[in-house]
N, C-alpha and C. Protein backbone atom coordinates (compact mmCIF):
# COMPACT_ATOMS: atom_id res chain seq x y z
N MET A 1 -2.55 -7.75 0.98
CA MET A 1 -3.19 -6.79 1.62
C MET A 1 -2.99 -5.67 0.66
N VAL A 2 -3.66 -4.69 0.79
CA VAL A 2 -3.85 -3.38 -0.26
C VAL A 2 -4.15 -2.50 1.15
N CYS A 3 -3.75 -1.44 1.14
CA CYS A 3 -4.20 -0.14 1.83
C CYS A 3 -3.95 1.17 0.89
N PHE A 4 -5.00 1.77 1.63
CA PHE A 4 -5.20 3.20 0.27
C PHE A 4 -6.08 4.23 1.29
N GLY A 5 -5.79 5.55 1.07
CA GLY A 5 -6.58 6.56 1.61
C GLY A 5 -6.47 8.09 0.22
N TYR A 6 -6.72 9.35 1.03
CA TYR A 6 -7.31 9.83 0.01
C TYR A 6 -6.13 11.50 1.05
N TYR A 7 -6.37 12.21 0.09
CA TYR A 7 -5.68 13.81 0.83
C TYR A 7 -4.46 13.59 1.33
N PRO A 8 -3.23 13.71 0.53
CA PRO A 8 -3.20 12.77 -0.97
C PRO A 8 -3.50 11.39 -1.22
N ASN A 9 -4.17 11.37 -2.60
CA ASN A 9 -4.23 9.74 -3.09
C ASN A 9 -3.14 9.28 -3.04
N TRP A 10 -3.46 7.83 -2.08
CA TRP A 10 -2.21 6.89 -2.27
C TRP A 10 -3.06 4.96 -1.88
N SER A 11 -1.92 4.68 -2.62
CA SER A 11 -2.29 2.94 -2.13
C SER A 11 -0.75 2.20 -2.17
N VAL A 12 -1.32 1.46 -1.42
CA VAL A 12 0.21 0.48 -1.18
C VAL A 12 -0.14 -1.00 -1.01
N GLN A 13 0.32 -2.00 -1.74
CA GLN A 13 0.04 -3.37 -2.12
C GLN A 13 1.35 -4.23 -1.56
N PHE A 14 0.55 -5.21 -0.47
CA PHE A 14 1.98 -5.63 0.31
C PHE A 14 1.63 -6.97 0.04
N VAL A 15 2.42 -7.68 -0.86
CA VAL A 15 2.41 -9.18 -1.18
C VAL A 15 3.52 -9.66 -0.59
N ASN A 16 4.03 -11.25 -0.54
CA ASN A 16 4.88 -11.35 -0.22
C ASN A 16 6.43 -11.26 0.40
N GLY A 17 6.29 -10.46 1.10
CA GLY A 17 7.45 -9.65 1.52
C GLY A 17 7.57 -8.18 0.97
N ASP A 18 7.28 -7.71 0.32
CA ASP A 18 7.33 -6.29 -0.69
C ASP A 18 5.81 -5.70 -0.24
N ALA A 19 6.56 -4.11 -0.87
CA ALA A 19 5.60 -3.49 -0.36
C ALA A 19 5.81 -2.65 -2.04
N ARG A 20 4.28 -2.29 -2.29
CA ARG A 20 4.57 -1.44 -3.85
C ARG A 20 3.59 -0.28 -3.26
N TYR A 21 4.60 0.26 -3.39
CA TYR A 21 3.80 1.84 -3.40
C TYR A 21 3.08 2.39 -4.70
N VAL A 22 2.21 2.75 -5.04
CA VAL A 22 1.43 3.37 -5.76
C VAL A 22 1.18 4.86 -6.27
N GLY A 23 2.40 5.47 -6.15
CA GLY A 23 1.85 7.15 -6.48
C GLY A 23 1.27 7.61 -7.54
N TYR A 24 0.88 8.67 -7.65
CA TYR A 24 -0.63 9.36 -8.49
C TYR A 24 0.45 10.50 -9.29
N ASP A 25 0.84 10.61 -10.67
CA ASP A 25 1.44 10.91 -11.10
C ASP A 25 3.08 10.98 -11.06
N GLU A 26 3.48 9.89 -10.51
CA GLU A 26 4.86 9.56 -10.20
C GLU A 26 4.66 7.90 -11.01
N PRO A 27 6.08 7.06 -10.75
CA PRO A 27 6.37 5.88 -10.97
C PRO A 27 6.05 4.81 -9.74
N ASP A 28 5.50 3.83 -10.33
CA ASP A 28 4.88 2.36 -8.33
C ASP A 28 6.92 2.68 -8.22
N GLN A 29 6.66 2.40 -6.91
CA GLN A 29 7.91 2.41 -6.37
C GLN A 29 7.89 0.77 -5.54
N TYR A 30 8.79 0.11 -5.44
CA TYR A 30 8.61 -1.41 -4.47
C TYR A 30 10.32 -1.40 -3.81
N PHE A 31 9.53 -1.96 -2.52
CA PHE A 31 10.43 -2.39 -0.95
C PHE A 31 10.13 -3.71 -0.65
N ALA A 32 11.37 -3.85 -0.31
CA ALA A 32 11.69 -4.90 0.35
C ALA A 32 11.09 -4.60 1.92
N GLY A 33 10.39 -5.69 2.27
CA GLY A 33 10.41 -5.54 3.93
C GLY A 33 9.30 -7.06 4.50
N HIS A 34 9.47 -6.32 5.98
CA HIS A 34 8.67 -7.53 6.33
C HIS A 34 7.41 -7.56 7.51
N PHE A 35 6.60 -8.23 7.35
CA PHE A 35 5.49 -7.62 8.61
C PHE A 35 5.49 -8.34 10.12
N TYR A 36 5.27 -7.55 10.77
CA TYR A 36 5.81 -8.59 12.27
C TYR A 36 4.15 -8.09 13.29
N TRP A 37 3.69 -8.96 13.80
CA TRP A 37 2.53 -9.02 14.75
C TRP A 37 2.82 -8.58 16.07
N PHE A 38 2.07 -8.05 16.53
CA PHE A 38 1.94 -7.23 17.82
C PHE A 38 0.91 -7.59 18.27
N SER A 39 0.39 -8.80 19.23
CA SER A 39 -0.96 -9.46 19.45
C SER A 39 -1.58 -8.46 20.58
N LYS A 40 -0.19 -7.72 21.35
CA LYS A 40 -0.86 -6.78 22.75
C LYS A 40 -2.35 -5.71 21.87
N ASP A 41 -1.88 -5.48 20.65
CA ASP A 41 -2.13 -4.03 20.22
C ASP A 41 -2.73 -4.44 19.11
N ASN A 42 -3.33 -5.88 18.93
CA ASN A 42 -4.04 -6.38 17.33
C ASN A 42 -3.88 -5.55 16.17
N ALA A 43 -2.32 -5.62 15.56
CA ALA A 43 -1.60 -4.97 14.89
C ALA A 43 -0.42 -5.68 14.13
N TRP A 44 -0.37 -5.14 12.83
CA TRP A 44 0.55 -5.20 12.14
C TRP A 44 1.89 -4.19 12.16
N ASP A 45 3.01 -4.42 11.98
CA ASP A 45 4.46 -3.09 11.62
C ASP A 45 4.85 -3.49 10.68
N TRP A 46 5.02 -3.05 9.62
CA TRP A 46 5.69 -3.44 8.32
C TRP A 46 6.87 -2.59 8.48
N HIS A 47 8.04 -2.99 7.81
CA HIS A 47 9.19 -1.81 7.99
C HIS A 47 10.30 -2.70 6.83
N PRO A 48 11.05 -2.18 6.30
CA PRO A 48 11.89 -2.39 5.49
C PRO A 48 13.23 -3.51 5.80
N SER A 49 13.40 -4.01 5.37
CA SER A 49 14.17 -5.51 4.89
C SER A 49 15.57 -4.35 6.44
N ASP A 50 16.08 -5.17 7.12
CA ASP A 50 17.53 -4.60 7.85
C ASP A 50 18.42 -4.40 6.16
N ASN A 51 18.86 -3.07 6.45
CA ASN A 51 19.98 -2.52 5.68
C ASN A 51 19.48 -2.37 4.35
N ALA A 52 18.29 -2.07 4.01
CA ALA A 52 17.41 -1.38 2.73
C ALA A 52 17.54 -0.21 2.56
N ALA A 53 17.95 -0.19 1.76
CA ALA A 53 18.44 1.47 0.91
C ALA A 53 17.07 1.84 0.49
N PRO A 54 16.77 3.48 0.78
CA PRO A 54 15.69 4.12 0.20
C PRO A 54 15.57 3.97 -1.46
N ALA A 55 14.45 4.38 -2.00
CA ALA A 55 14.59 3.79 -3.15
C ALA A 55 14.95 4.94 -4.44
N ASN A 56 15.51 5.95 -3.48
CA ASN A 56 16.18 6.92 -4.42
C ASN A 56 17.05 8.00 -3.29
N ASP A 57 18.26 8.61 -3.68
CA ASP A 57 18.51 10.16 -2.98
C ASP A 57 17.54 10.56 -2.37
N ASN A 58 16.21 10.83 -3.26
CA ASN A 58 15.44 12.01 -3.06
C ASN A 58 13.79 11.49 -1.91
N SER A 59 14.23 9.95 -1.28
CA SER A 59 13.20 9.42 -0.92
C SER A 59 13.41 8.74 0.99
N TYR A 60 12.52 8.24 1.50
CA TYR A 60 12.63 7.59 2.78
C TYR A 60 12.12 6.72 2.19
N ASN A 61 12.37 5.55 3.51
CA ASN A 61 11.93 4.11 3.24
C ASN A 61 10.13 4.47 3.37
N MET A 62 9.70 3.35 3.37
CA MET A 62 8.49 2.95 3.51
C MET A 62 7.90 2.06 4.86
N SER A 63 6.83 2.46 5.95
CA SER A 63 6.74 1.80 7.08
C SER A 63 5.13 1.67 6.85
N ALA A 64 4.46 0.80 7.79
CA ALA A 64 3.33 0.78 7.81
C ALA A 64 2.76 0.01 8.91
N TRP A 65 1.75 0.98 9.90
CA TRP A 65 1.05 0.13 10.89
C TRP A 65 -0.27 -0.13 10.45
N ILE A 66 -0.43 -1.12 10.71
CA ILE A 66 -1.72 -1.69 10.15
C ILE A 66 -2.49 -2.44 11.44
N GLU A 67 -3.87 -2.06 12.20
CA GLU A 67 -4.49 -2.70 12.84
C GLU A 67 -5.49 -3.70 12.59
N LYS A 68 -6.25 -4.14 13.43
CA LYS A 68 -7.19 -5.25 13.07
C LYS A 68 -8.58 -4.41 13.78
N ALA A 69 -8.49 -3.10 12.78
CA ALA A 69 -10.00 -1.94 13.63
C ALA A 69 -10.60 -2.44 12.11
N GLU A 70 -12.05 -1.80 12.51
CA GLU A 70 -13.15 -1.42 11.37
C GLU A 70 -12.40 -0.03 10.80
N CYS A 71 -12.80 0.39 9.19
CA CYS A 71 -12.35 1.78 9.03
C CYS A 71 -13.18 2.20 8.01
N ARG A 72 -13.90 3.03 8.14
CA ARG A 72 -15.00 3.56 7.17
C ARG A 72 -14.22 4.26 6.58
N ASP A 73 -14.45 4.28 5.21
CA ASP A 73 -14.25 4.88 3.83
C ASP A 73 -15.24 4.82 3.36
N VAL A 74 -15.63 6.87 3.32
CA VAL A 74 -16.39 7.15 2.94
C VAL A 74 -16.72 7.69 1.61
N VAL A 75 -15.63 7.65 0.64
CA VAL A 75 -15.44 7.74 -0.42
C VAL A 75 -16.27 6.82 -1.24
N LEU A 76 -15.78 5.35 -0.34
CA LEU A 76 -16.26 4.19 -1.32
C LEU A 76 -17.52 4.02 -0.56
N ASN A 77 -18.13 4.80 0.53
CA ASN A 77 -19.15 4.21 1.27
C ASN A 77 -19.31 3.17 2.06
N ALA A 78 -17.65 2.20 2.03
CA ALA A 78 -17.67 0.84 2.43
C ALA A 78 -16.97 0.80 3.91
N THR A 79 -17.30 0.20 4.65
CA THR A 79 -16.13 0.14 6.01
C THR A 79 -15.57 -1.27 5.93
N MET A 80 -13.99 -1.32 5.73
CA MET A 80 -12.86 -2.06 5.54
C MET A 80 -12.84 -2.93 7.06
N PRO A 81 -11.98 -3.80 7.09
CA PRO A 81 -11.63 -4.58 8.09
C PRO A 81 -10.48 -3.94 8.77
N TYR A 82 -9.47 -3.21 8.30
CA TYR A 82 -8.46 -2.66 8.72
C TYR A 82 -8.16 -1.13 8.92
N SER A 83 -7.26 -0.48 9.77
CA SER A 83 -6.91 0.59 9.46
C SER A 83 -5.40 0.81 9.37
N ALA A 84 -4.76 1.97 8.56
CA ALA A 84 -3.46 2.28 8.66
C ALA A 84 -3.18 3.33 8.79
N GLN A 85 -1.89 3.71 9.43
CA GLN A 85 -0.91 4.61 9.13
C GLN A 85 0.34 4.35 8.13
N VAL A 86 0.57 5.31 7.27
CA VAL A 86 1.43 4.61 6.76
C VAL A 86 2.48 6.09 6.71
N TYR A 87 3.71 5.58 6.72
CA TYR A 87 4.76 6.70 6.72
C TYR A 87 5.33 6.76 4.75
N LEU A 88 4.69 7.75 4.00
CA LEU A 88 5.38 7.48 2.39
C LEU A 88 6.44 7.67 2.47
N PRO A 89 7.29 7.08 0.92
CA PRO A 89 8.50 7.63 0.69
C PRO A 89 8.99 8.96 0.75
N GLN A 90 7.86 9.54 0.52
CA GLN A 90 8.29 11.22 0.27
C GLN A 90 8.24 11.70 1.87
N GLY A 91 8.14 10.98 3.09
CA GLY A 91 8.01 11.21 4.49
C GLY A 91 7.21 11.62 4.80
N ASP A 92 5.71 12.11 4.52
CA ASP A 92 4.35 12.48 4.49
C ASP A 92 4.03 10.81 5.05
N MET A 93 2.99 11.28 6.50
CA MET A 93 2.73 10.53 6.92
C MET A 93 0.90 10.20 6.71
N VAL A 94 0.21 9.06 6.22
CA VAL A 94 -0.78 9.06 5.80
C VAL A 94 -1.63 8.21 6.62
N SER A 95 -3.22 8.19 6.82
CA SER A 95 -3.78 7.26 6.97
C SER A 95 -4.90 6.57 6.17
N GLY A 96 -5.69 5.68 6.43
CA GLY A 96 -6.32 4.99 6.06
C GLY A 96 -6.80 3.74 6.02
N CYS A 97 -7.63 3.16 4.88
CA CYS A 97 -8.37 1.50 5.10
C CYS A 97 -7.14 0.53 4.55
N CYS A 98 -7.64 -0.83 4.60
CA CYS A 98 -6.94 -1.92 4.34
C CYS A 98 -7.61 -3.18 4.49
N ARG A 99 -7.50 -3.72 3.11
CA ARG A 99 -8.51 -4.78 3.13
C ARG A 99 -7.65 -6.03 2.63
N LYS A 100 -7.99 -7.38 3.05
CA LYS A 100 -6.80 -8.89 1.95
C LYS A 100 -6.98 -8.20 0.77
N LEU A 101 -5.87 -8.85 -0.11
CA LEU A 101 -5.97 -8.82 -1.62
C LEU A 101 -6.77 -10.29 -1.48
N LYS A 102 -7.44 -10.03 -3.31
CA LYS A 102 -8.85 -11.39 -3.01
C LYS A 102 -7.91 -12.66 -4.31
N PRO A 103 -8.09 -13.40 -3.98
CA PRO A 103 -7.47 -14.32 -4.47
C PRO A 103 -7.15 -14.06 -5.89
N GLY A 104 -5.89 -13.97 -6.54
CA GLY A 104 -5.23 -13.93 -8.05
C GLY A 104 -5.25 -12.79 -8.41
N GLU A 105 -5.35 -11.82 -7.17
CA GLU A 105 -5.48 -10.13 -7.37
C GLU A 105 -4.05 -9.74 -7.45
N ALA A 106 -3.38 -9.44 -8.20
CA ALA A 106 -2.13 -8.36 -7.98
C ALA A 106 -2.38 -6.96 -8.28
N ILE A 107 -2.75 -6.24 -9.55
CA ILE A 107 -2.65 -4.83 -9.86
C ILE A 107 -3.80 -4.63 -9.04
N ILE A 108 -3.32 -3.22 -7.99
CA ILE A 108 -4.45 -2.66 -7.28
C ILE A 108 -4.08 -0.92 -8.18
N GLY A 109 -5.23 -0.44 -8.47
CA GLY A 109 -5.51 0.92 -8.90
C GLY A 109 -6.46 1.83 -7.66
N ARG A 110 -6.64 2.84 -8.59
CA ARG A 110 -7.09 3.97 -7.38
C ARG A 110 -8.39 3.49 -6.69
N HIS A 111 -7.59 4.22 -5.47
CA HIS A 111 -8.60 3.90 -4.45
C HIS A 111 -8.63 2.46 -3.82
N GLY A 112 -7.70 1.94 -4.39
CA GLY A 112 -7.63 0.44 -3.56
C GLY A 112 -8.67 -0.72 -3.89
N VAL A 113 -9.23 -0.70 -5.54
CA VAL A 113 -10.09 -1.08 -6.52
C VAL A 113 -9.33 -1.60 -7.59
N PRO A 114 -9.23 -3.09 -7.52
CA PRO A 114 -8.46 -3.98 -8.68
C PRO A 114 -9.13 -2.60 -9.81
N PRO A 115 -9.03 -3.02 -10.86
CA PRO A 115 -8.75 -2.24 -12.36
C PRO A 115 -10.10 -2.96 -12.99
N ALA A 116 -10.15 -4.08 -12.80
CA ALA A 116 -11.53 -5.10 -13.35
C ALA A 116 -12.64 -4.94 -12.68
N ASP A 117 -12.85 -3.79 -11.11
CA ASP A 117 -13.71 -4.23 -10.51
C ASP A 117 -13.95 -2.37 -10.73
N ALA A 118 -13.45 -1.58 -11.35
CA ALA A 118 -13.73 -0.07 -11.34
C ALA A 118 -15.32 0.43 -11.75
N GLY A 119 -15.39 1.27 -11.64
CA GLY A 119 -16.77 1.94 -11.93
C GLY A 119 -16.75 3.08 -12.26
N PRO A 120 -18.25 3.43 -12.48
CA PRO A 120 -18.34 4.97 -13.43
C PRO A 120 -17.67 5.60 -12.47
N ASN A 121 -17.99 5.31 -11.15
CA ASN A 121 -16.98 6.35 -10.34
C ASN A 121 -15.94 6.47 -9.46
N VAL A 122 -15.45 4.79 -9.69
CA VAL A 122 -14.25 4.76 -9.02
C VAL A 122 -13.36 4.02 -10.21
N SER A 123 -12.20 5.24 -10.93
CA SER A 123 -11.34 4.87 -11.88
C SER A 123 -10.01 4.00 -11.59
N ALA A 124 -9.81 3.30 -11.97
CA ALA A 124 -8.38 2.41 -12.12
C ALA A 124 -7.44 3.19 -12.87
N PRO A 125 -5.84 2.94 -13.08
CA PRO A 125 -5.07 3.19 -14.18
C PRO A 125 -4.74 1.77 -15.07
N ALA A 126 -4.63 2.03 -16.18
CA ALA A 126 -4.01 1.18 -16.77
C ALA A 126 -3.22 -0.07 -15.89
N PRO A 127 -2.85 -1.47 -16.00
CA PRO A 127 -1.65 -2.04 -15.41
C PRO A 127 -0.06 -1.42 -15.62
N GLN A 128 0.71 -1.27 -14.96
CA GLN A 128 1.79 -1.06 -15.56
C GLN A 128 2.83 -2.42 -15.21
N GLN A 129 3.96 -2.94 -16.04
CA GLN A 129 5.01 -4.01 -15.69
C GLN A 129 5.97 -2.77 -14.84
N ARG A 130 6.15 -4.55 -14.23
CA ARG A 130 6.76 -3.98 -12.54
C ARG A 130 8.47 -3.65 -12.85
N GLN A 131 9.18 -2.91 -13.01
CA GLN A 131 10.78 -2.30 -13.17
C GLN A 131 11.09 -3.33 -12.37
N MET A 132 12.19 -3.76 -13.00
CA MET A 132 13.44 -4.26 -12.29
C MET A 132 13.92 -3.67 -11.34
N ARG A 133 14.39 -4.05 -10.32
CA ARG A 133 15.37 -3.79 -9.10
C ARG A 133 16.64 -4.20 -9.46
N GLN A 134 17.45 -3.76 -8.68
CA GLN A 134 19.00 -4.23 -8.33
C GLN A 134 18.94 -5.05 -7.59
N GLY A 135 19.54 -6.92 -8.21
CA GLY A 135 19.14 -7.55 -7.80
C GLY A 135 18.42 -8.74 -8.28
N ASP A 136 17.28 -8.14 -8.99
CA ASP A 136 16.21 -9.13 -9.78
C ASP A 136 16.50 -10.07 -10.77
N GLN A 137 16.20 -11.07 -10.89
CA GLN A 137 16.59 -11.98 -12.12
C GLN A 137 15.53 -12.35 -12.90
C-alpha cells in the first residue's frame, strides 16, 4: 500500500511489515512495524514494532491510521479507495489518500506515482538504493 498527500508533500509505502517514508529534500527513512485491523472502524492501524527506536535522535517514530473510505485527490483528479492520517517522523500529522501497490511495484515517487507512470504533470524522482539498517544482512 502507498499513501501520499500534499502541503507538505509526503509519501509512505507499506510493504511486508516495513514502512518507507519518502521525504522531499531529505533521505528516505525506513521503519519496522505492523498493521492491525479494526473491523468496527473499517480501518488499519500501522505502528512501529515493539521496542523500535526512532530513526535518529531528532525524529519520532511513524504511525498511520488508514480507513477503507474513498479519498478524493484533487491534484491527481482521481478517487483513491483509502484515506489516511499519518504521523510523520518529524512529528507532523498529515492526511491524504492511499491505494494498493500494483504487482511488482516497488519504488514510489512523488504523489504516490511509480516513476514509470509519471507523466508531464506528475514527476517522480529517480529510484534510490535502500540503505541498510542496523541488523540487516
